[in-house]
Amino acid sequence: MPPIPGDYVRQVDIGKRSGFIAEGDSVVSLSKSPEGYLYSVTHCNDVLHQGLLKDTDESQWPKSLDEKNRRKLRALFHSLLNAEERDLDDRALPRVRRVPTPAKDTKK
């Protein structure tokens, strides 16, 4: 957590398909699961909202979620989806390991 309230910390982990945005004592986190996306909104370690979202359709999000946390959740969704698309498009091909065969005169 940042020591100064109001500082933003944003972290997205593509390998774990999760991320969070922290501002002072408030944290909005999102992680992908087989059923959809698990989200939680906490303030001072108290859980204000948590649940499962099927997709990015904001009409399905809880109505009690304030606009500030909606923006953070929206940003996390976009970050994860964009990172997954880049990960699929720019996947590096495996490298072939080439081991040179020793010359016959160096064998004992």
Protein backbone atom coordinates (compact mmCIF):
# COMPACT_ATOMS: atom_id res chain seq x y z
CA MET A 1 0.00 0.00 0.00
CA PRO A 2 1.25 3.49 -0.72
CA PRO A 3 2.24 5.46 2.38
CA ILE A 4 0.63 8.72 1.20
CA PRO A 5 -3.18 8.71 0.76
CA GLY A 6 -4.14 9.57 -2.79
CA ASP A 7 -1.19 7.82 -4.44
CA TYR A 8 -2.25 5.27 -7.01
CA VAL A 9 -0.67 1.87 -7.30
CA ARG A 10 -1.70 -0.23 -10.30
CA GLN A 11 -0.47 -3.75 -10.82
CA VAL A 12 -1.57 -6.30 -13.42
CA ASP A 13 -0.19 -9.84 -13.43
CA ILE A 14 -0.86 -11.50 -16.77
CA GLY A 15 0.39 -14.90 -15.64
CA LYS A 16 -2.14 -15.02 -12.83
CA ARG A 17 -4.78 -13.09 -14.86
CA SER A 18 -5.33 -10.67 -12.00
CA GLY A 19 -4.67 -7.11 -10.97
CA PHE A 20 -5.45 -4.38 -8.50
CA ILE A 21 -5.60 -0.61 -8.19
CA ALA A 22 -4.90 0.88 -4.78
CA GLU A 23 -5.49 4.46 -3.72
CA GLY A 24 -4.60 5.18 -0.13
CA ASP A 25 -6.52 2.65 1.97
CA SER A 26 -8.92 1.65 -0.85
CA VAL A 27 -8.16 -1.32 -3.09
CA VAL A 28 -10.11 -2.59 -6.10
CA SER A 29 -8.98 -6.02 -7.30
CA LEU A 30 -10.01 -8.25 -10.18
CA SER A 31 -8.98 -11.80 -11.07
CA LYS A 32 -10.10 -14.19 -13.77
CA SER A 33 -11.68 -17.50 -12.78
CA PRO A 34 -13.33 -20.27 -14.82
CA GLU A 35 -16.80 -18.87 -13.99
CA GLY A 36 -16.00 -15.23 -14.83
CA TYR A 37 -14.16 -12.48 -12.97
CA LEU A 38 -13.89 -12.24 -9.19
CA TYR A 39 -13.77 -8.69 -7.89
CA SER A 40 -13.46 -7.08 -4.50
CA VAL A 41 -13.52 -3.52 -3.21
CA THR A 42 -11.92 -2.98 0.19
CA HIS A 43 -11.32 0.04 2.39
CA CYS A 44 -9.03 -0.23 5.44
CA ASN A 45 -9.16 -4.06 5.11
CA ASP A 46 -12.98 -3.99 5.32
CA VAL A 47 -14.68 -5.61 2.33
CA LEU A 48 -17.23 -3.21 0.86
CA HIS A 49 -18.14 -5.23 -2.25
CA GLN A 50 -17.14 -8.58 -3.65
CA GLY A 51 -18.58 -11.05 -6.06
CA LEU A 52 -18.47 -12.61 -9.49
CA LEU A 53 -18.90 -10.72 -12.76
CA LYS A 54 -19.65 -12.71 -15.89
CA ASP A 55 -18.22 -10.15 -18.33
CA THR A 56 -17.51 -6.46 -18.87
CA ASP A 57 -21.21 -5.56 -19.25
CA GLU A 58 -21.64 -2.78 -16.71
CA SER A 59 -25.41 -3.21 -16.55
CA GLN A 60 -24.76 -6.46 -14.63
CA TRP A 61 -22.50 -4.78 -12.07
CA PRO A 62 -23.90 -3.98 -8.61
CA LYS A 63 -25.86 -0.73 -8.49
CA SER A 64 -24.37 0.16 -5.10
CA LEU A 65 -20.85 0.45 -6.59
CA ASP A 66 -19.88 4.14 -6.66
CA GLU A 67 -18.51 5.82 -9.81
CA LYS A 68 -14.93 6.07 -8.54
CA ASN A 69 -14.71 2.31 -7.97
CA ARG A 70 -16.53 1.63 -11.26
CA ARG A 71 -13.82 3.56 -13.12
CA LYS A 72 -11.10 1.54 -11.38
CA LEU A 73 -12.87 -1.74 -12.14
CA ARG A 74 -13.38 -0.68 -15.77
CA ALA A 75 -9.66 0.17 -16.04
CA LEU A 76 -8.70 -3.24 -14.62
CA PHE A 77 -10.97 -5.01 -17.11
CA HIS A 78 -9.46 -3.12 -20.03
CA SER A 79 -5.90 -3.70 -18.79
CA LEU A 80 -6.44 -7.45 -18.40
CA LEU A 81 -8.24 -7.87 -21.73
CA ASN A 82 -5.68 -5.80 -23.65
CA ALA A 83 -2.79 -7.66 -22.03
CA GLU A 84 -4.37 -11.03 -22.85
CA GLU A 85 -4.80 -9.97 -26.50
CA ARG A 86 -1.17 -8.82 -26.70
CA ASP A 87 -0.08 -12.05 -25.03
CA LEU A 88 -1.92 -14.12 -27.64
CA ASP A 89 -0.74 -12.02 -30.60
CA ASP A 90 2.91 -11.62 -29.64
CA ARG A 91 3.59 -15.05 -28.25
CA ALA A 92 7.27 -15.87 -28.76
CA LEU A 93 8.08 -19.08 -30.54
CA PRO A 94 10.12 -21.62 -28.58
CA ARG A 95 13.81 -21.52 -29.36
CA VAL A 96 15.59 -24.57 -30.68
CA ARG A 97 18.54 -25.55 -28.56
CA ARG A 98 21.52 -26.39 -30.70
CA VAL A 99 24.35 -28.31 -29.11
CA PRO A 100 27.45 -28.59 -31.26
CA THR A 101 28.75 -32.09 -31.85
CA PRO A 102 32.37 -32.41 -30.68
CA ALA A 103 34.95 -33.14 -33.35
CA LYS A 104 36.31 -36.70 -33.50
CA ASP A 105 39.85 -35.68 -32.58
CA THR A 106 38.71 -34.14 -29.24
CA LYS A 107 37.09 -37.38 -28.02
CA LYS A 108 39.14 -39.61 -25.72
